Amino acid sequence: MAYISTRLKKEIEITEIITIHYFEYLKGFVFHGESHDFWEFLYVDKGTVMVQAASEHYQLHAGDIIFHRPNEFHSVKAIGRKSPNLVAISFLCNSPSMDFFTGKVTTLSSIEKTLIAQIISEARAAFSTPLHIPSIEQVKLSTSAPFGSQQLILLYLEQFLIHIKRHHCDDEKVKNLPSITKQSWDSSNKSYVFEQILHYLQLHICEQIKISDICNEFSISRSTLHSLFQKNKNCGVIDYFIYMKIERAKEIIRDGNMNITEIAYFLSYNSLQHFSKQFKKLTGMSPTEYISSVKGISQTYKW
């Protein structure tokens, strides 16, 4: 039998990344605008902003995204009572399928938000330049990045764009998109807001978060937040956030690119002792014991 290979078509291929930013702006922030010869999208993670794209103006709320084609002038300013958190990603792509994104404004699904969170997470590991400084115009690659982190950024980004093209073909281009974070709390919306909160926790995995921060972000009460997590995760929100941090720590340990002290600092623990205590509580072993365990398993299954 003669096997014959089949070349698969790439509908969207990202060739290079320009910048990946996660901004936490003050109320009243204004960016007066620019244009450049590459693609960019702006995703609103928190707050409300007014965006100009060429001659059009759009009011975007948390969960909304806008795409700017190459050489399109665009500007943004914060409006409303909340300081905005924004994700801005720019990249080179000459695929004809990108024409779909010209003038595209839409609201992301939970799957698409998760993909953005994965891009941000990998970018934090892959780049030595911080994501929150607007003046950075070229990312610098980290010498201690986990294996495959650069490639995963491209793969997640391509998957993100493909998913949008598949599932947002019938979107209407509107200037005032409805807010998705302040809808009435009926049963169908609770699960959606829960997904948003998980996305929020993932984006802030390297920070310290209080219950009041989450309640203020999503305009919900402590009792409602507690009920959501008890129903879906059988624990409190902070307990689950700690679990997420420890899971991330285990991944970093397996990658072998940071020592225990660096991991504790990376995940915003106040002390190495505090980190080690929480790690042992959730895993049953200290970080050092876990490292030895991982090394032992790796050697056992080494071909």
Protein backbone atom coordinates (compact mmCIF):
# COMPACT_ATOMS: atom_id res chain seq x y z
CA MET A 1 0.00 0.00 0.00
CA ALA A 2 1.36 3.40 -1.01
CA TYR A 3 0.58 6.21 1.39
CA ILE A 4 0.20 9.69 -0.08
CA SER A 5 0.32 12.83 2.02
CA THR A 6 -2.30 15.57 1.78
CA ARG A 7 -1.40 19.20 2.22
CA LEU A 8 -3.98 21.02 4.35
CA LYS A 9 -5.02 24.56 3.61
CA LYS A 10 -4.35 27.34 6.11
CA GLU A 11 -7.18 29.85 5.82
CA ILE A 12 -5.61 32.27 8.30
CA GLU A 13 -1.87 32.35 8.91
CA ILE A 14 -0.26 34.79 11.33
CA THR A 15 3.32 35.43 10.31
CA GLU A 16 4.50 37.83 13.03
CA ILE A 17 3.32 39.42 16.26
CA ILE A 18 3.75 43.18 16.66
CA THR A 19 2.45 43.78 20.19
CA ILE A 20 0.32 42.12 22.85
CA HIS A 21 -0.93 44.46 25.56
CA TYR A 22 -3.15 44.22 28.61
CA PHE A 23 -3.89 47.76 29.79
CA GLU A 24 -5.46 48.93 33.04
CA TYR A 25 -6.29 52.56 32.34
CA LEU A 26 -7.60 55.30 34.60
CA LYS A 27 -11.03 56.84 34.19
CA GLY A 28 -10.90 59.61 31.63
CA PHE A 29 -8.11 57.96 29.62
CA VAL A 30 -7.82 59.23 26.04
CA PHE A 31 -5.70 57.86 23.19
CA HIS A 32 -5.82 60.36 20.36
CA GLY A 33 -5.21 57.82 17.65
CA GLU A 34 -2.85 56.32 15.11
CA SER A 35 -2.76 54.22 11.97
CA HIS A 36 -0.28 51.52 10.96
CA ASP A 37 0.23 48.91 8.26
CA PHE A 38 -0.81 45.83 10.24
CA TRP A 39 -3.93 44.35 11.84
CA GLU A 40 -5.01 45.17 15.37
CA PHE A 41 -7.97 44.35 17.57
CA LEU A 42 -9.13 45.93 20.80
CA TYR A 43 -11.03 43.83 23.34
CA VAL A 44 -12.78 45.44 26.32
CA ASP A 45 -12.25 43.30 29.41
CA LYS A 46 -13.74 45.85 31.79
CA GLY A 47 -15.51 49.20 31.61
CA THR A 48 -16.83 51.15 28.63
CA VAL A 49 -14.93 52.95 25.88
CA MET A 50 -15.69 55.00 22.80
CA VAL A 51 -13.69 53.89 19.78
CA GLN A 52 -13.20 55.72 16.50
CA ALA A 53 -12.45 53.57 13.45
CA ALA A 54 -11.93 55.71 10.35
CA SER A 55 -15.06 57.92 10.31
CA GLU A 56 -17.21 55.62 12.48
CA HIS A 57 -17.67 55.75 16.26
CA TYR A 58 -18.58 52.78 18.48
CA GLN A 59 -19.41 52.46 22.14
CA LEU A 60 -17.94 49.20 23.44
CA HIS A 61 -18.72 47.49 26.73
CA ALA A 62 -17.06 44.63 28.61
CA GLY A 63 -16.92 41.59 26.32
CA ASP A 64 -16.95 43.59 23.07
CA ILE A 65 -14.21 43.63 20.44
CA ILE A 66 -13.36 45.76 17.40
CA PHE A 67 -10.93 44.99 14.57
CA HIS A 68 -8.85 47.60 12.76
CA ARG A 69 -7.61 46.78 9.28
CA PRO A 70 -4.13 47.93 8.18
CA ASN A 71 -3.81 51.72 7.72
CA GLU A 72 -7.17 52.42 9.39
CA PHE A 73 -7.03 55.38 11.76
CA HIS A 74 -8.32 54.48 15.21
CA SER A 75 -8.58 56.14 18.61
CA VAL A 76 -10.13 55.28 21.98
CA LYS A 77 -11.28 57.07 25.11
CA ALA A 78 -12.71 55.83 28.39
CA ILE A 79 -16.29 56.74 29.24
CA GLY A 80 -18.57 55.80 32.10
CA ARG A 81 -17.81 55.31 35.79
CA LYS A 82 -15.33 52.43 35.61
CA SER A 83 -11.67 52.50 34.68
CA PRO A 84 -11.29 50.34 31.56
CA ASN A 85 -9.16 47.23 31.15
CA LEU A 86 -8.29 46.62 27.51
CA VAL A 87 -6.53 43.93 25.49
CA ALA A 88 -4.81 45.19 22.32
CA ILE A 89 -3.14 42.70 19.99
CA SER A 90 -1.50 43.63 16.70
CA PHE A 91 -0.06 41.25 14.13
CA LEU A 92 0.91 40.67 10.50
CA CYS A 93 -1.42 38.58 8.36
CA ASN A 94 -1.86 38.69 4.59
CA SER A 95 -4.45 35.91 4.33
CA PRO A 96 -7.39 36.86 2.06
CA SER A 97 -9.78 35.55 4.74
CA MET A 98 -8.88 38.55 6.90
CA ASP A 99 -11.14 40.70 4.71
CA PHE A 100 -13.97 39.36 6.87
CA PHE A 101 -12.65 41.36 9.83
CA THR A 102 -12.72 44.74 8.11
CA GLY A 103 -15.06 46.90 10.18
CA LYS A 104 -15.88 43.95 12.44
CA VAL A 105 -17.42 44.80 15.82
CA THR A 106 -18.95 42.04 17.93
CA THR A 107 -19.37 40.50 21.39
CA LEU A 108 -17.23 37.50 22.25
CA SER A 109 -18.43 34.13 23.46
CA SER A 110 -16.98 32.43 26.52
CA ILE A 111 -14.85 30.21 24.27
CA GLU A 112 -13.38 33.23 22.50
CA LYS A 113 -12.69 34.99 25.80
CA THR A 114 -10.88 31.89 27.00
CA LEU A 115 -8.69 31.96 23.90
CA ILE A 116 -7.77 35.59 24.59
CA ALA A 117 -6.93 34.63 28.18
CA GLN A 118 -4.67 31.87 26.85
CA ILE A 119 -2.92 34.30 24.50
CA ILE A 120 -2.30 36.72 27.38
CA SER A 121 -1.08 33.93 29.64
CA GLU A 122 1.39 32.63 27.04
CA ALA A 123 2.54 36.17 26.20
CA ARG A 124 3.40 36.83 29.85
CA ALA A 125 5.58 33.73 29.79
CA ALA A 126 7.05 34.21 26.30
CA PHE A 127 7.98 37.90 26.47
CA SER A 128 10.38 39.69 28.78
CA THR A 129 8.70 43.02 28.02
CA PRO A 130 5.69 43.80 30.26
CA LEU A 131 2.21 43.79 28.72
CA HIS A 132 0.90 46.90 30.47
CA ILE A 133 3.21 49.60 29.08
CA PRO A 134 1.67 51.38 26.04
CA SER A 135 4.98 52.80 24.80
CA ILE A 136 6.36 49.34 23.99
CA GLU A 137 6.35 48.95 20.22
CA GLN A 138 8.36 45.74 19.97
CA VAL A 139 8.13 42.72 22.24
CA LYS A 140 11.32 41.12 23.50
CA LEU A 141 11.45 37.35 23.76
CA SER A 142 12.20 35.83 27.14
CA THR A 143 15.23 33.58 27.40
CA SER A 144 13.41 31.44 29.96
CA ALA A 145 10.08 31.03 28.18
CA PRO A 146 8.32 27.66 28.45
CA PHE A 147 8.73 25.33 25.50
CA GLY A 148 6.42 26.21 22.62
CA SER A 149 5.06 29.41 24.15
CA GLN A 150 5.73 31.50 21.02
CA GLN A 151 4.05 28.92 18.81
CA LEU A 152 1.07 28.64 21.14
CA ILE A 153 0.50 32.39 20.89
CA LEU A 154 0.23 32.08 17.11
CA LEU A 155 -1.95 28.96 17.31
CA TYR A 156 -4.34 30.45 19.86
CA LEU A 157 -4.57 33.65 17.83
CA GLU A 158 -5.29 31.80 14.59
CA GLN A 159 -7.85 29.61 16.37
CA PHE A 160 -9.45 32.73 17.84
CA LEU A 161 -9.82 34.36 14.41
CA ILE A 162 -11.14 31.17 12.81
CA HIS A 163 -13.72 30.76 15.58
CA ILE A 164 -14.96 34.31 15.10
CA LYS A 165 -15.23 33.91 11.33
CA ARG A 166 -17.20 30.69 11.80
CA HIS A 167 -19.60 31.94 14.44
CA HIS A 168 -20.04 35.67 13.77
CA CYS A 169 -20.94 35.70 10.09
CA ASP A 170 -24.42 37.14 10.71
CA ASP A 171 -23.44 39.87 13.18
CA GLU A 172 -24.92 43.25 12.46
CA LYS A 173 -22.56 46.18 12.50
CA VAL A 174 -23.89 48.38 15.29
CA LYS A 175 -22.64 51.51 16.99
CA ASN A 176 -24.02 50.81 20.45
CA LEU A 177 -23.59 47.22 21.52
CA PRO A 178 -25.51 46.02 24.60
CA SER A 179 -23.57 45.52 27.80
CA ILE A 180 -23.22 41.87 28.72
CA THR A 181 -22.07 42.36 32.29
CA LYS A 182 -25.08 44.12 33.76
CA GLN A 183 -27.96 42.02 32.44
CA SER A 184 -30.72 40.85 34.77
CA TRP A 185 -29.83 37.79 36.76
CA ASP A 186 -32.14 35.19 35.27
CA SER A 187 -31.15 31.53 35.31
CA SER A 188 -29.76 31.50 31.76
CA ASN A 189 -27.55 34.52 32.39
CA LYS A 190 -26.07 33.16 35.63
CA SER A 191 -24.09 30.49 33.83
CA TYR A 192 -22.83 33.05 31.32
CA VAL A 193 -21.71 35.49 34.02
CA PHE A 194 -20.04 32.60 35.83
CA GLU A 195 -17.99 31.97 32.67
CA GLN A 196 -17.07 35.65 32.62
CA ILE A 197 -15.86 35.50 36.20
CA LEU A 198 -13.69 32.47 35.41
CA HIS A 199 -12.26 34.40 32.47
CA TYR A 200 -11.59 37.37 34.75
CA LEU A 201 -9.77 35.15 37.26
CA GLN A 202 -7.67 33.61 34.50
CA LEU A 203 -6.61 37.01 33.21
CA HIS A 204 -5.61 38.08 36.74
CA ILE A 205 -3.98 34.82 37.78
CA CYS A 206 -0.70 36.61 38.57
CA GLU A 207 -2.35 39.20 40.82
CA GLN A 208 -3.99 39.35 44.23
CA ILE A 209 -7.79 39.56 44.02
CA LYS A 210 -10.32 40.21 46.78
CA ILE A 211 -13.99 39.23 46.83
CA SER A 212 -14.90 42.92 46.74
CA ASP A 213 -12.93 43.31 43.48
CA ILE A 214 -15.03 40.64 41.79
CA CYS A 215 -18.31 41.94 43.22
CA ASN A 216 -17.53 45.46 42.01
CA GLU A 217 -16.40 44.23 38.60
CA PHE A 218 -19.62 42.32 37.92
CA SER A 219 -22.01 44.32 40.11
CA ILE A 220 -23.10 41.32 42.14
CA SER A 221 -23.47 40.71 45.86
CA ARG A 222 -21.19 38.54 47.96
CA SER A 223 -24.02 36.08 48.55
CA THR A 224 -24.71 35.74 44.81
CA LEU A 225 -21.02 35.23 44.08
CA HIS A 226 -20.78 32.63 46.84
CA SER A 227 -23.86 30.84 45.52
CA LEU A 228 -22.47 30.74 41.97
CA PHE A 229 -19.23 29.07 43.02
CA GLN A 230 -20.83 26.70 45.50
CA LYS A 231 -23.18 25.52 42.77
CA ASN A 232 -20.57 25.21 40.01
CA LYS A 233 -17.34 24.41 41.87
CA ASN A 234 -18.49 23.37 45.35
CA CYS A 235 -16.19 25.94 46.96
CA GLY A 236 -15.78 29.68 47.45
CA VAL A 237 -14.41 31.96 44.75
CA ILE A 238 -11.14 32.70 46.57
CA ASP A 239 -10.60 29.01 47.25
CA TYR A 240 -11.05 28.35 43.55
CA PHE A 241 -8.72 31.22 42.62
CA ILE A 242 -6.06 29.71 44.90
CA TYR A 243 -6.62 26.36 43.18
CA MET A 244 -6.08 28.06 39.79
CA LYS A 245 -2.84 29.61 41.05
CA ILE A 246 -1.52 26.29 42.32
CA GLU A 247 -2.43 24.57 39.04
CA ARG A 248 -0.52 27.29 37.20
CA ALA A 249 2.41 26.82 39.59
CA LYS A 250 2.45 23.09 38.83
CA GLU A 251 2.61 23.84 35.11
CA ILE A 252 5.53 26.23 35.62
CA ILE A 253 7.33 23.67 37.78
CA ARG A 254 6.92 21.05 35.06
CA ASP A 255 8.30 23.48 32.49
CA GLY A 256 11.39 23.93 34.67
CA ASN A 257 12.02 27.57 33.79
CA MET A 258 11.56 29.15 37.24
CA ASN A 259 12.67 28.22 40.73
CA ILE A 260 10.18 28.09 43.60
CA THR A 261 10.93 31.61 44.81
CA GLU A 262 10.41 33.03 41.30
CA ILE A 263 7.11 31.17 40.95
CA ALA A 264 5.85 32.55 44.26
CA TYR A 265 6.75 36.08 43.15
CA PHE A 266 5.25 35.52 39.68
CA LEU A 267 1.91 34.53 41.22
CA SER A 268 1.96 37.51 43.65
CA TYR A 269 2.37 35.59 46.91
CA ASN A 270 3.53 37.71 49.83
CA SER A 271 6.11 35.15 50.87
CA LEU A 272 7.62 31.85 49.82
CA GLN A 273 6.32 30.33 53.05
CA HIS A 274 2.73 31.32 52.23
CA PHE A 275 3.03 29.88 48.72
CA SER A 276 4.54 26.61 49.97
CA LYS A 277 1.83 26.25 52.62
CA GLN A 278 -1.00 26.65 50.09
CA PHE A 279 0.76 24.39 47.61
CA LYS A 280 1.07 21.57 50.16
CA LYS A 281 -2.50 22.03 51.34
CA LEU A 282 -3.86 21.48 47.81
CA THR A 283 -1.40 18.91 46.45
CA GLY A 284 -0.38 17.00 49.57
CA MET A 285 3.30 17.74 49.00
CA SER A 286 5.64 20.71 49.16
CA PRO A 287 6.84 22.38 45.93
CA THR A 288 10.23 20.71 46.40
CA GLU A 289 8.61 17.30 46.85
CA TYR A 290 6.47 17.93 43.77
CA ILE A 291 9.58 18.76 41.72
CA SER A 292 11.18 15.49 42.82
CA SER A 293 7.96 13.64 42.01
CA VAL A 294 7.75 15.15 38.52
CA LYS A 295 11.41 14.37 37.84
CA GLY A 296 10.86 10.82 39.06
CA ILE A 297 7.89 10.28 36.77
CA SER A 298 9.79 11.78 33.83
CA GLN A 299 12.73 9.44 34.40
CA THR A 300 10.42 6.45 34.82
CA TYR A 301 8.79 7.06 31.43
CA LYS A 302 11.94 8.16 29.61
CA TRP A 303 12.43 6.02 26.53
